[in-house]
Amino acid sequence: MIEYLIMIIILLGAILALIQRDLLKAAILTGIPGASMAFLYQFLLAPDVALTQAIVGSAIIPVFFALAVYKTRRMEE
C-alpha cells in the first residue's frame, strides 16, 4: 500500500513542478519526485539504487536546472 502512496506523491510532485510559472521554482521542485523515488527504492530494499537516486535525482539535477535558469535569465536594464 505504501508503494502506491509514494507513486502518487511522485506524480503530484512532477505535476506541481510542471505547472509552476517561475522556472526557478520549477527547477527546485524537480527534487520532490527524485526524493520520493529514492524513498521508494529504499523501501523496496535496493539501497544502492536509492542512494544513487537520492544524490542524482534530489540534489544534482535540481541544482543544475536552477543554475541553468539563473545563468540564462534575461537581465532587465
C-alpha atoms as a PDB file:
ATOM      1  CA  MET A   1       0.000   0.000   0.000  1.00  0.00           C
ATOM      2  CA  ILE A   2       2.823   2.411   0.789  1.00  0.00           C
ATOM      3  CA  GLU A   3       4.236   1.903  -2.701  1.00  0.00           C
ATOM      4  CA  TYR A   4       1.083   3.342  -4.235  1.00  0.00           C
ATOM      5  CA  LEU A   5       1.145   6.312  -1.886  1.00  0.00           C
ATOM      6  CA  ILE A   6       4.749   7.069  -2.838  1.00  0.00           C
ATOM      7  CA  MET A   7       3.895   6.762  -6.542  1.00  0.00           C
ATOM      8  CA  ILE A   8       1.070   9.266  -6.084  1.00  0.00           C
ATOM      9  CA  ILE A   9       3.492  11.653  -4.340  1.00  0.00           C
ATOM     10  CA  ILE A  10       5.906  11.242  -7.267  1.00  0.00           C
ATOM     11  CA  LEU A  11       3.163  12.096  -9.764  1.00  0.00           C
ATOM     12  CA  LEU A  12       1.900  15.061  -7.745  1.00  0.00           C
ATOM     13  CA  GLY A  13       5.427  16.404  -7.352  1.00  0.00           C
ATOM     14  CA  ALA A  14       6.039  16.169 -11.081  1.00  0.00           C
ATOM     15  CA  ILE A  15       2.738  17.870 -11.866  1.00  0.00           C
ATOM     16  CA  LEU A  16       3.490  20.580  -9.325  1.00  0.00           C
ATOM     17  CA  ALA A  17       6.836  21.236 -10.991  1.00  0.00           C
ATOM     18  CA  LEU A  18       5.177  21.355 -14.419  1.00  0.00           C
ATOM     19  CA  ILE A  19       2.511  23.916 -13.540  1.00  0.00           C
ATOM     20  CA  GLN A  20       4.889  26.434 -11.976  1.00  0.00           C
ATOM     21  CA  ARG A  21       5.185  29.759 -13.790  1.00  0.00           C
ATOM     22  CA  ASP A  22       8.533  30.609 -12.240  1.00  0.00           C
ATOM     23  CA  LEU A  23      11.268  28.484 -13.790  1.00  0.00           C
ATOM     24  CA  LEU A  24      13.474  28.657 -10.704  1.00  0.00           C
ATOM     25  CA  LYS A  25      10.693  27.244  -8.515  1.00  0.00           C
ATOM     26  CA  ALA A  26      10.048  24.520 -11.091  1.00  0.00           C
ATOM     27  CA  ALA A  27      13.737  23.622 -11.132  1.00  0.00           C
ATOM     28  CA  ILE A  28      13.797  23.300  -7.360  1.00  0.00           C
ATOM     29  CA  LEU A  29      10.545  21.324  -7.273  1.00  0.00           C
ATOM     30  CA  THR A  30      12.014  18.666  -9.567  1.00  0.00           C
ATOM     31  CA  GLY A  31      13.693  17.312  -6.450  1.00  0.00           C
ATOM     32  CA  ILE A  32      10.374  16.114  -4.984  1.00  0.00           C
ATOM     33  CA  PRO A  33       9.910  13.211  -7.414  1.00  0.00           C
ATOM     34  CA  GLY A  34      13.590  12.337  -7.085  1.00  0.00           C
ATOM     35  CA  ALA A  35      13.465  12.169  -3.309  1.00  0.00           C
ATOM     36  CA  SER A  36      10.236  10.191  -3.413  1.00  0.00           C
ATOM     37  CA  MET A  37      11.708   7.697  -5.844  1.00  0.00           C
ATOM     38  CA  ALA A  38      14.762   7.329  -3.621  1.00  0.00           C
ATOM     39  CA  PHE A  39      12.487   6.542  -0.682  1.00  0.00           C
ATOM     40  CA  LEU A  40      10.578   4.030  -2.824  1.00  0.00           C
ATOM     41  CA  TYR A  41      13.796   2.265  -3.825  1.00  0.00           C
ATOM     42  CA  GLN A  42      14.874   2.128  -0.188  1.00  0.00           C
ATOM     43  CA  PHE A  43      11.509   0.683   0.759  1.00  0.00           C
ATOM     44  CA  LEU A  44      11.891  -1.951  -1.974  1.00  0.00           C
ATOM     45  CA  LEU A  45      15.247  -2.966  -0.423  1.00  0.00           C
ATOM     46  CA  ALA A  46      17.502  -1.546  -3.124  1.00  0.00           C
ATOM     47  CA  PRO A  47      19.759   0.741  -1.049  1.00  0.00           C
ATOM     48  CA  ASP A  48      22.399   1.210  -3.749  1.00  0.00           C
ATOM     49  CA  VAL A  49      19.815   2.432  -6.260  1.00  0.00           C
ATOM     50  CA  ALA A  50      18.164   4.559  -3.570  1.00  0.00           C
ATOM     51  CA  LEU A  51      21.447   6.267  -2.719  1.00  0.00           C
ATOM     52  CA  THR A  52      22.188   6.983  -6.375  1.00  0.00           C
ATOM     53  CA  GLN A  53      18.682   8.306  -6.936  1.00  0.00           C
ATOM     54  CA  ALA A  54      18.901  10.496  -3.849  1.00  0.00           C
ATOM     55  CA  ILE A  55      22.158  12.031  -4.980  1.00  0.00           C
ATOM     56  CA  VAL A  56      21.302  12.471  -8.646  1.00  0.00           C
ATOM     57  CA  GLY A  57      17.525  12.951  -8.613  1.00  0.00           C
ATOM     58  CA  SER A  58      17.213  15.014  -5.467  1.00  0.00           C
ATOM     59  CA  ALA A  59      20.405  17.042  -5.472  1.00  0.00           C
ATOM     60  CA  ILE A  60      22.368  17.233  -8.700  1.00  0.00           C
ATOM     61  CA  ILE A  61      19.588  17.563 -11.297  1.00  0.00           C
ATOM     62  CA  PRO A  62      17.616  20.314  -9.468  1.00  0.00           C
ATOM     63  CA  VAL A  63      20.834  22.248  -8.812  1.00  0.00           C
ATOM     64  CA  PHE A  64      21.877  22.029 -12.474  1.00  0.00           C
ATOM     65  CA  PHE A  65      18.394  23.097 -13.609  1.00  0.00           C
ATOM     66  CA  ALA A  66      18.410  26.017 -11.176  1.00  0.00           C
ATOM     67  CA  LEU A  67      21.873  27.084 -12.337  1.00  0.00           C
ATOM     68  CA  ALA A  68      20.801  26.891 -15.972  1.00  0.00           C
ATOM     69  CA  VAL A  69      17.723  29.025 -15.273  1.00  0.00           C
ATOM     70  CA  TYR A  70      19.755  31.511 -13.267  1.00  0.00           C
ATOM     71  CA  LYS A  71      22.501  31.793 -15.898  1.00  0.00           C
ATOM     72  CA  THR A  72      20.096  32.203 -18.825  1.00  0.00           C
ATOM     73  CA  ARG A  73      17.758  34.674 -17.139  1.00  0.00           C
ATOM     74  CA  ARG A  74      17.314  37.930 -19.041  1.00  0.00           C
ATOM     75  CA  MET A  75      18.748  40.977 -17.384  1.00  0.00           C
ATOM     76  CA  GLU A  76      16.444  43.993 -17.358  1.00  0.00           C
ATOM     77  CA  GLU A  77      18.244  47.291 -17.858  1.00  0.00           C
END
